[in-house]
PDB file of N, CA and C in Angstrom:
ATOM      1  N   MET A   1     -25.968 -49.329  31.057  1.00  0.00           N
ATOM      2  CA  MET A   1     -24.885 -48.763  30.281  1.00  0.00           C
ATOM      3  C   MET A   1     -23.589 -48.870  31.087  1.00  0.00           C
ATOM      4  N   GLU A   2     -22.538 -49.293  30.407  1.00  0.00           N
ATOM      5  CA  GLU A   2     -21.248 -49.463  31.061  1.00  0.00           C
ATOM      6  C   GLU A   2     -20.547 -48.135  31.266  1.00  0.00           C
ATOM      7  N   LYS A   3     -19.852 -48.030  32.377  1.00  0.00           N
ATOM      8  CA  LYS A   3     -19.068 -46.826  32.641  1.00  0.00           C
ATOM      9  C   LYS A   3     -17.775 -46.910  31.844  1.00  0.00           C
ATOM     10  N   ARG A   4     -17.468 -45.862  31.121  1.00  0.00           N
ATOM     11  CA  ARG A   4     -16.239 -45.832  30.327  1.00  0.00           C
ATOM     12  C   ARG A   4     -15.090 -45.336  31.191  1.00  0.00           C
ATOM     13  N   SER A   5     -13.952 -45.931  31.029  1.00  0.00           N
ATOM     14  CA  SER A   5     -12.793 -45.510  31.816  1.00  0.00           C
ATOM     15  C   SER A   5     -11.965 -44.509  31.016  1.00  0.00           C
ATOM     16  N   LYS A   6     -11.257 -43.714  31.755  1.00  0.00           N
ATOM     17  CA  LYS A   6     -10.354 -42.746  31.135  1.00  0.00           C
ATOM     18  C   LYS A   6      -9.066 -43.462  30.760  1.00  0.00           C
ATOM     19  N   ILE A   7      -8.381 -42.941  29.764  1.00  0.00           N
ATOM     20  CA  ILE A   7      -7.107 -43.540  29.361  1.00  0.00           C
ATOM     21  C   ILE A   7      -6.098 -43.462  30.494  1.00  0.00           C
ATOM     22  N   SER A   8      -6.143 -42.388  31.270  1.00  0.00           N
ATOM     23  CA  SER A   8      -5.199 -42.263  32.381  1.00  0.00           C
ATOM     24  C   SER A   8      -5.451 -43.325  33.448  1.00  0.00           C
ATOM     25  N   ASP A   9      -6.682 -43.831  33.527  1.00  0.00           N
ATOM     26  CA  ASP A   9      -6.990 -44.877  34.504  1.00  0.00           C
ATOM     27  C   ASP A   9      -6.513 -46.253  34.054  1.00  0.00           C
ATOM     28  N   LEU A  10      -6.292 -46.426  32.768  1.00  0.00           N
ATOM     29  CA  LEU A  10      -5.909 -47.725  32.244  1.00  0.00           C
ATOM     30  C   LEU A  10      -4.483 -48.110  32.595  1.00  0.00           C
ATOM     31  N   ASP A  11      -3.605 -47.155  32.737  1.00  0.00           N
ATOM     32  CA  ASP A  11      -2.203 -47.394  33.097  1.00  0.00           C
ATOM     33  C   ASP A  11      -1.540 -48.363  32.119  1.00  0.00           C
ATOM     34  N   ILE A  12      -1.643 -48.058  30.838  1.00  0.00           N
ATOM     35  CA  ILE A  12      -1.099 -48.961  29.828  1.00  0.00           C
ATOM     36  C   ILE A  12       0.420 -48.902  29.744  1.00  0.00           C
ATOM     37  N   PHE A  13       1.035 -47.871  30.252  1.00  0.00           N
ATOM     38  CA  PHE A  13       2.484 -47.749  30.197  1.00  0.00           C
ATOM     39  C   PHE A  13       3.140 -48.028  31.535  1.00  0.00           C
ATOM     40  N   ASN A  14       2.391 -48.478  32.492  1.00  0.00           N
ATOM     41  CA  ASN A  14       2.890 -48.807  33.840  1.00  0.00           C
ATOM     42  C   ASN A  14       3.636 -47.646  34.481  1.00  0.00           C
ATOM     43  N   LYS A  15       3.084 -46.466  34.328  1.00  0.00           N
ATOM     44  CA  LYS A  15       3.704 -45.303  34.971  1.00  0.00           C
ATOM     45  C   LYS A  15       3.322 -45.295  36.445  1.00  0.00           C
ATOM     46  N   PRO A  16       4.240 -44.886  37.309  1.00  0.00           N
ATOM     47  CA  PRO A  16       3.896 -44.821  38.731  1.00  0.00           C
ATOM     48  C   PRO A  16       2.872 -43.714  38.976  1.00  0.00           C
ATOM     49  N   VAL A  17       2.052 -43.939  39.954  1.00  0.00           N
ATOM     50  CA  VAL A  17       1.048 -42.949  40.331  1.00  0.00           C
ATOM     51  C   VAL A  17       1.764 -41.778  40.979  1.00  0.00           C
ATOM     52  N   LYS A  18       1.272 -40.562  40.734  1.00  0.00           N
ATOM     53  CA  LYS A  18       1.964 -39.376  41.242  1.00  0.00           C
ATOM     54  C   LYS A  18       2.157 -39.406  42.742  1.00  0.00           C
ATOM     55  N   SER A  19       1.238 -39.998  43.458  1.00  0.00           N
ATOM     56  CA  SER A  19       1.371 -40.033  44.917  1.00  0.00           C
ATOM     57  C   SER A  19       2.525 -40.939  45.350  1.00  0.00           C
ATOM     58  N   ASP A  20       2.915 -41.894  44.480  1.00  0.00           N
ATOM     59  CA  ASP A  20       4.023 -42.793  44.803  1.00  0.00           C
ATOM     60  C   ASP A  20       5.388 -42.182  44.491  1.00  0.00           C
ATOM     61  N   VAL A  21       5.418 -41.178  43.661  1.00  0.00           N
ATOM     62  CA  VAL A  21       6.681 -40.584  43.226  1.00  0.00           C
ATOM     63  C   VAL A  21       7.032 -39.417  44.141  1.00  0.00           C
ATOM     64  N   LYS A  22       8.264 -39.435  44.649  1.00  0.00           N
ATOM     65  CA  LYS A  22       8.711 -38.320  45.478  1.00  0.00           C
ATOM     66  C   LYS A  22       9.188 -37.197  44.580  1.00  0.00           C
ATOM     67  N   GLU A  23       8.819 -36.002  44.922  1.00  0.00           N
ATOM     68  CA  GLU A  23       9.291 -34.852  44.155  1.00  0.00           C
ATOM     69  C   GLU A  23      10.693 -34.496  44.612  1.00  0.00           C
ATOM     70  N   VAL A  24      11.600 -34.458  43.668  1.00  0.00           N
ATOM     71  CA  VAL A  24      12.984 -34.116  43.965  1.00  0.00           C
ATOM     72  C   VAL A  24      13.206 -32.683  43.509  1.00  0.00           C
ATOM     73  N   LYS A  25      13.561 -31.842  44.443  1.00  0.00           N
ATOM     74  CA  LYS A  25      13.828 -30.450  44.099  1.00  0.00           C
ATOM     75  C   LYS A  25      15.292 -30.319  43.718  1.00  0.00           C
ATOM     76  N   LYS A  26      15.509 -29.706  42.585  1.00  0.00           N
ATOM     77  CA  LYS A  26      16.869 -29.502  42.110  1.00  0.00           C
ATOM     78  C   LYS A  26      17.461 -28.314  42.863  1.00  0.00           C
ATOM     79  N   GLU A  27      18.596 -28.564  43.495  1.00  0.00           N
ATOM     80  CA  GLU A  27      19.241 -27.489  44.240  1.00  0.00           C
ATOM     81  C   GLU A  27      19.960 -26.559  43.273  1.00  0.00           C
ATOM     82  N   VAL A  28      19.744 -25.284  43.461  1.00  0.00           N
ATOM     83  CA  VAL A  28      20.401 -24.285  42.634  1.00  0.00           C
ATOM     84  C   VAL A  28      21.588 -23.747  43.420  1.00  0.00           C
ATOM     85  N   SER A  29      22.731 -23.754  42.781  1.00  0.00           N
ATOM     86  CA  SER A  29      23.930 -23.259  43.429  1.00  0.00           C
ATOM     87  C   SER A  29      23.763 -21.776  43.737  1.00  0.00           C
ATOM     88  N   LYS A  30      24.079 -21.391  44.951  1.00  0.00           N
ATOM     89  CA  LYS A  30      23.897 -20.002  45.358  1.00  0.00           C
ATOM     90  C   LYS A  30      25.035 -19.099  44.899  1.00  0.00           C
ATOM     91  N   ASP A  31      26.115 -19.698  44.388  1.00  0.00           N
ATOM     92  CA  ASP A  31      27.223 -18.867  43.944  1.00  0.00           C
ATOM     93  C   ASP A  31      27.169 -18.586  42.443  1.00  0.00           C
ATOM     94  N   HIS A  32      26.124 -19.030  41.763  1.00  0.00           N
ATOM     95  CA  HIS A  32      25.956 -18.747  40.340  1.00  0.00           C
ATOM     96  C   HIS A  32      24.652 -17.992  40.122  1.00  0.00           C
ATOM     97  N   VAL A  33      24.703 -17.011  39.246  1.00  0.00           N
ATOM     98  CA  VAL A  33      23.534 -16.206  38.916  1.00  0.00           C
ATOM     99  C   VAL A  33      23.399 -16.194  37.403  1.00  0.00           C
ATOM    100  N   THR A  34      22.182 -16.363  36.909  1.00  0.00           N
ATOM    101  CA  THR A  34      21.947 -16.316  35.477  1.00  0.00           C
ATOM    102  C   THR A  34      21.627 -14.891  35.073  1.00  0.00           C
ATOM    103  N   LYS A  35      22.311 -14.395  34.066  1.00  0.00           N
ATOM    104  CA  LYS A  35      22.077 -13.046  33.550  1.00  0.00           C
ATOM    105  C   LYS A  35      21.658 -13.136  32.097  1.00  0.00           C
ATOM    106  N   SER A  36      20.738 -12.296  31.724  1.00  0.00           N
ATOM    107  CA  SER A  36      20.330 -12.205  30.327  1.00  0.00           C
ATOM    108  C   SER A  36      20.497 -10.761  29.883  1.00  0.00           C
ATOM    109  N   PHE A  37      20.989 -10.576  28.682  1.00  0.00           N
ATOM    110  CA  PHE A  37      21.153  -9.225  28.163  1.00  0.00           C
ATOM    111  C   PHE A  37      21.085  -9.268  26.655  1.00  0.00           C
ATOM    112  N   ARG A  38      20.853  -8.125  26.084  1.00  0.00           N
ATOM    113  CA  ARG A  38      20.743  -8.023  24.637  1.00  0.00           C
ATOM    114  C   ARG A  38      22.033  -7.450  24.065  1.00  0.00           C
ATOM    115  N   LEU A  39      22.366  -7.922  22.866  1.00  0.00           N
ATOM    116  CA  LEU A  39      23.494  -7.396  22.128  1.00  0.00           C
ATOM    117  C   LEU A  39      22.991  -6.956  20.762  1.00  0.00           C
ATOM    118  N   THR A  40      23.682  -5.975  20.208  1.00  0.00           N
ATOM    119  CA  THR A  40      23.359  -5.628  18.826  1.00  0.00           C
ATOM    120  C   THR A  40      23.862  -6.764  17.936  1.00  0.00           C
ATOM    121  N   LYS A  41      23.397  -6.798  16.721  1.00  0.00           N
ATOM    122  CA  LYS A  41      23.814  -7.847  15.801  1.00  0.00           C
ATOM    123  C   LYS A  41      25.324  -7.808  15.586  1.00  0.00           C
ATOM    124  N   GLU A  42      25.877  -6.601  15.485  1.00  0.00           N
ATOM    125  CA  GLU A  42      27.318  -6.460  15.284  1.00  0.00           C
ATOM    126  C   GLU A  42      28.094  -6.970  16.496  1.00  0.00           C
ATOM    127  N   GLN A  43      27.597  -6.675  17.695  1.00  0.00           N
ATOM    128  CA  GLN A  43      28.262  -7.137  18.909  1.00  0.00           C
ATOM    129  C   GLN A  43      28.214  -8.659  19.008  1.00  0.00           C
ATOM    130  N   ALA A  44      27.085  -9.249  18.650  1.00  0.00           N
ATOM    131  CA  ALA A  44      26.952 -10.711  18.693  1.00  0.00           C
ATOM    132  C   ALA A  44      27.896 -11.364  17.690  1.00  0.00           C
ATOM    133  N   GLU A  45      28.020 -10.768  16.509  1.00  0.00           N
ATOM    134  CA  GLU A  45      28.939 -11.312  15.507  1.00  0.00           C
ATOM    135  C   GLU A  45      30.383 -11.196  15.977  1.00  0.00           C
ATOM    136  N   LYS A  46      30.718 -10.073  16.612  1.00  0.00           N
ATOM    137  CA  LYS A  46      32.069  -9.869  17.137  1.00  0.00           C
ATOM    138  C   LYS A  46      32.375 -10.902  18.222  1.00  0.00           C
ATOM    139  N   LEU A  47      31.402 -11.168  19.080  1.00  0.00           N
ATOM    140  CA  LEU A  47      31.571 -12.175  20.131  1.00  0.00           C
ATOM    141  C   LEU A  47      31.787 -13.555  19.526  1.00  0.00           C
ATOM    142  N   GLN A  48      31.064 -13.874  18.454  1.00  0.00           N
ATOM    143  CA  GLN A  48      31.269 -15.146  17.769  1.00  0.00           C
ATOM    144  C   GLN A  48      32.672 -15.210  17.147  1.00  0.00           C
ATOM    145  N   GLU A  49      33.131 -14.095  16.598  1.00  0.00           N
ATOM    146  CA  GLU A  49      34.482 -14.049  16.022  1.00  0.00           C
ATOM    147  C   GLU A  49      35.533 -14.295  17.096  1.00  0.00           C
ATOM    148  N   TYR A  50      35.370 -13.647  18.253  1.00  0.00           N
ATOM    149  CA  TYR A  50      36.310 -13.848  19.361  1.00  0.00           C
ATOM    150  C   TYR A  50      36.322 -15.322  19.772  1.00  0.00           C
ATOM    151  N   THR A  51      35.145 -15.915  19.857  1.00  0.00           N
ATOM    152  CA  THR A  51      35.042 -17.306  20.282  1.00  0.00           C
ATOM    153  C   THR A  51      35.756 -18.222  19.303  1.00  0.00           C
ATOM    154  N   ARG A  52      35.543 -18.007  18.010  1.00  0.00           N
ATOM    155  CA  ARG A  52      36.196 -18.842  16.998  1.00  0.00           C
ATOM    156  C   ARG A  52      37.706 -18.625  16.986  1.00  0.00           C
ATOM    157  N   ALA A  53      38.147 -17.386  17.197  1.00  0.00           N
ATOM    158  CA  ALA A  53      39.581 -17.074  17.155  1.00  0.00           C
ATOM    159  C   ALA A  53      40.327 -17.666  18.346  1.00  0.00           C
ATOM    160  N   ILE A  54      39.707 -17.677  19.500  1.00  0.00           N
ATOM    161  CA  ILE A  54      40.360 -18.155  20.715  1.00  0.00           C
ATOM    162  C   ILE A  54      40.309 -19.669  20.819  1.00  0.00           C
ATOM    163  N   GLN A  55      39.255 -20.264  20.302  1.00  0.00           N
ATOM    164  CA  GLN A  55      39.013 -21.689  20.493  1.00  0.00           C
ATOM    165  C   GLN A  55      39.978 -22.552  19.696  1.00  0.00           C
ATOM    166  N   PRO A  56      40.777 -23.366  20.385  1.00  0.00           N
ATOM    167  CA  PRO A  56      41.584 -24.341  19.657  1.00  0.00           C
ATOM    168  C   PRO A  56      40.674 -25.456  19.142  1.00  0.00           C
ATOM    169  N   GLY A  57      41.155 -26.206  18.178  1.00  0.00           N
ATOM    170  CA  GLY A  57      40.326 -27.202  17.526  1.00  0.00           C
ATOM    171  C   GLY A  57      39.797 -28.297  18.430  1.00  0.00           C
ATOM    172  N   HIS A  58      40.509 -28.644  19.495  1.00  0.00           N
ATOM    173  CA  HIS A  58      40.111 -29.778  20.326  1.00  0.00           C
ATOM    174  C   HIS A  58      39.359 -29.371  21.593  1.00  0.00           C
ATOM    175  N   PHE A  59      39.094 -28.079  21.780  1.00  0.00           N
ATOM    176  CA  PHE A  59      38.328 -27.617  22.938  1.00  0.00           C
ATOM    177  C   PHE A  59      37.046 -26.963  22.487  1.00  0.00           C
ATOM    178  N   MET A  60      36.044 -27.042  23.342  1.00  0.00           N
ATOM    179  CA  MET A  60      34.794 -26.349  23.078  1.00  0.00           C
ATOM    180  C   MET A  60      34.747 -25.116  23.977  1.00  0.00           C
ATOM    181  N   ILE A  61      34.860 -23.954  23.383  1.00  0.00           N
ATOM    182  CA  ILE A  61      34.792 -22.696  24.120  1.00  0.00           C
ATOM    183  C   ILE A  61      33.475 -22.036  23.726  1.00  0.00           C
ATOM    184  N   THR A  62      32.708 -21.640  24.714  1.00  0.00           N
ATOM    185  CA  THR A  62      31.424 -21.010  24.429  1.00  0.00           C
ATOM    186  C   THR A  62      31.543 -19.497  24.533  1.00  0.00           C
ATOM    187  N   GLU A  63      30.537 -18.813  24.046  1.00  0.00           N
ATOM    188  CA  GLU A  63      30.511 -17.354  24.162  1.00  0.00           C
ATOM    189  C   GLU A  63      30.439 -16.944  25.625  1.00  0.00           C
ATOM    190  N   ALA A  64      29.759 -17.734  26.443  1.00  0.00           N
ATOM    191  CA  ALA A  64      29.691 -17.445  27.876  1.00  0.00           C
ATOM    192  C   ALA A  64      31.078 -17.529  28.511  1.00  0.00           C
ATOM    193  N   ASP A  65      31.900 -18.487  28.062  1.00  0.00           N
ATOM    194  CA  ASP A  65      33.273 -18.585  28.570  1.00  0.00           C
ATOM    195  C   ASP A  65      34.073 -17.337  28.229  1.00  0.00           C
ATOM    196  N   ILE A  66      33.874 -16.812  27.024  1.00  0.00           N
ATOM    197  CA  ILE A  66      34.580 -15.596  26.604  1.00  0.00           C
ATOM    198  C   ILE A  66      34.156 -14.421  27.479  1.00  0.00           C
ATOM    199  N   ILE A  67      32.866 -14.313  27.746  1.00  0.00           N
ATOM    200  CA  ILE A  67      32.367 -13.216  28.592  1.00  0.00           C
ATOM    201  C   ILE A  67      32.925 -13.353  30.005  1.00  0.00           C
ATOM    202  N   ARG A  68      32.958 -14.575  30.549  1.00  0.00           N
ATOM    203  CA  ARG A  68      33.530 -14.782  31.892  1.00  0.00           C
ATOM    204  C   ARG A  68      35.000 -14.378  31.922  1.00  0.00           C
ATOM    205  N   TYR A  69      35.738 -14.747  30.884  1.00  0.00           N
ATOM    206  CA  TYR A  69      37.153 -14.378  30.800  1.00  0.00           C
ATOM    207  C   TYR A  69      37.305 -12.864  30.772  1.00  0.00           C
ATOM    208  N   MET A  70      36.478 -12.185  29.975  1.00  0.00           N
ATOM    209  CA  MET A  70      36.559 -10.723  29.886  1.00  0.00           C
ATOM    210  C   MET A  70      36.258 -10.073  31.233  1.00  0.00           C
ATOM    211  N   ILE A  71      35.304 -10.616  31.960  1.00  0.00           N
ATOM    212  CA  ILE A  71      34.964 -10.056  33.267  1.00  0.00           C
ATOM    213  C   ILE A  71      36.119 -10.252  34.245  1.00  0.00           C
ATOM    214  N   LEU A  72      36.723 -11.433  34.223  1.00  0.00           N
ATOM    215  CA  LEU A  72      37.832 -11.708  35.141  1.00  0.00           C
ATOM    216  C   LEU A  72      39.048 -10.830  34.862  1.00  0.00           C
ATOM    217  N   HIS A  73      39.273 -10.491  33.619  1.00  0.00           N
ATOM    218  CA  HIS A  73      40.471  -9.735  33.243  1.00  0.00           C
ATOM    219  C   HIS A  73      40.163  -8.291  32.873  1.00  0.00           C
ATOM    220  N   PHE A  74      39.066  -7.788  33.363  1.00  0.00           N
ATOM    221  CA  PHE A  74      38.663  -6.417  33.081  1.00  0.00           C
ATOM    222  C   PHE A  74      39.598  -5.438  33.790  1.00  0.00           C
ATOM    223  N   ASP A  75      40.110  -4.455  33.079  1.00  0.00           N
ATOM    224  CA  ASP A  75      41.018  -3.463  33.641  1.00  0.00           C
ATOM    225  C   ASP A  75      40.227  -2.174  33.890  1.00  0.00           C
ATOM    226  N   ILE A  76      39.950  -1.894  35.150  1.00  0.00           N
ATOM    227  CA  ILE A  76      39.108  -0.749  35.506  1.00  0.00           C
ATOM    228  C   ILE A  76      39.781   0.569  35.139  1.00  0.00           C
ATOM    229  N   LYS A  77      41.073   0.690  35.394  1.00  0.00           N
ATOM    230  CA  LYS A  77      41.764   1.954  35.090  1.00  0.00           C
ATOM    231  C   LYS A  77      41.744   2.249  33.597  1.00  0.00           C
ATOM    232  N   LYS A  78      41.995   1.223  32.801  1.00  0.00           N
ATOM    233  CA  LYS A  78      41.970   1.418  31.352  1.00  0.00           C
ATOM    234  C   LYS A  78      40.557   1.754  30.875  1.00  0.00           C
ATOM    235  N   ALA A  79      39.556   1.124  31.480  1.00  0.00           N
ATOM    236  CA  ALA A  79      38.163   1.405  31.115  1.00  0.00           C
ATOM    237  C   ALA A  79      37.785   2.836  31.474  1.00  0.00           C
ATOM    238  N   GLN A  80      38.262   3.320  32.614  1.00  0.00           N
ATOM    239  CA  GLN A  80      37.974   4.698  32.992  1.00  0.00           C
ATOM    240  C   GLN A  80      38.564   5.665  31.982  1.00  0.00           C
ATOM    241  N   GLU A  81      39.774   5.374  31.527  1.00  0.00           N
ATOM    242  CA  GLU A  81      40.420   6.269  30.566  1.00  0.00           C
ATOM    243  C   GLU A  81      39.797   6.176  29.179  1.00  0.00           C
ATOM    244  N   ASP A  82      39.586   4.949  28.696  1.00  0.00           N
ATOM    245  CA  ASP A  82      39.128   4.748  27.332  1.00  0.00           C
ATOM    246  C   ASP A  82      37.605   4.771  27.178  1.00  0.00           C
ATOM    247  N   PHE A  83      36.934   3.977  27.977  1.00  0.00           N
ATOM    248  CA  PHE A  83      35.498   3.817  27.795  1.00  0.00           C
ATOM    249  C   PHE A  83      34.698   4.960  28.402  1.00  0.00           C
ATOM    250  N   PHE A  84      35.005   5.277  29.653  1.00  0.00           N
ATOM    251  CA  PHE A  84      34.231   6.307  30.345  1.00  0.00           C
ATOM    252  C   PHE A  84      34.728   7.714  30.055  1.00  0.00           C
ATOM    253  N   LYS A  85      35.921   7.832  29.466  1.00  0.00           N
ATOM    254  CA  LYS A  85      36.533   9.123  29.128  1.00  0.00           C
ATOM    255  C   LYS A  85      36.641  10.050  30.346  1.00  0.00           C
ATOM    256  N   LEU A  86      36.996   9.468  31.479  1.00  0.00           N
ATOM    257  CA  LEU A  86      37.175  10.253  32.704  1.00  0.00           C
ATOM    258  C   LEU A  86      38.629  10.730  32.777  1.00  0.00           C
ATOM    259  N   LYS A  87      38.798  11.927  33.231  1.00  0.00           N
ATOM    260  CA  LYS A  87      40.153  12.464  33.394  1.00  0.00           C
ATOM    261  C   LYS A  87      40.429  12.617  34.879  1.00  0.00           C
ATOM    262  N   GLN A  88      41.646  12.285  35.260  1.00  0.00           N
ATOM    263  CA  GLN A  88      42.035  12.441  36.657  1.00  0.00           C
ATOM    264  C   GLN A  88      42.135  13.925  36.984  1.00  0.00           C
ATOM    265  N   LEU A  89      41.644  14.290  38.153  1.00  0.00           N
ATOM    266  CA  LEU A  89      41.704  15.698  38.588  1.00  0.00           C
ATOM    267  C   LEU A  89      42.997  16.015  39.267  1.00  0.00           C
TER     268      LEU A  89
END
């Protein structure tokens, strides 16, 4: 009885053998961090509205760009007064 070969042994697509291929590790930039968070449906819609309102027709502005802009221009004093409702002693 003949020994049957596996399809992977046939090499019909001329793929290199794994031992011949060097593994290239993708370097991750240390100055960037990925964050994930949840938004309510209303907040997500508002973020989409901001993105559409700010975006000129010839540029692609993403929701992540809007969030980065908001973080860069965040006013801590105004947030303390309005958002946190803290009063100065």
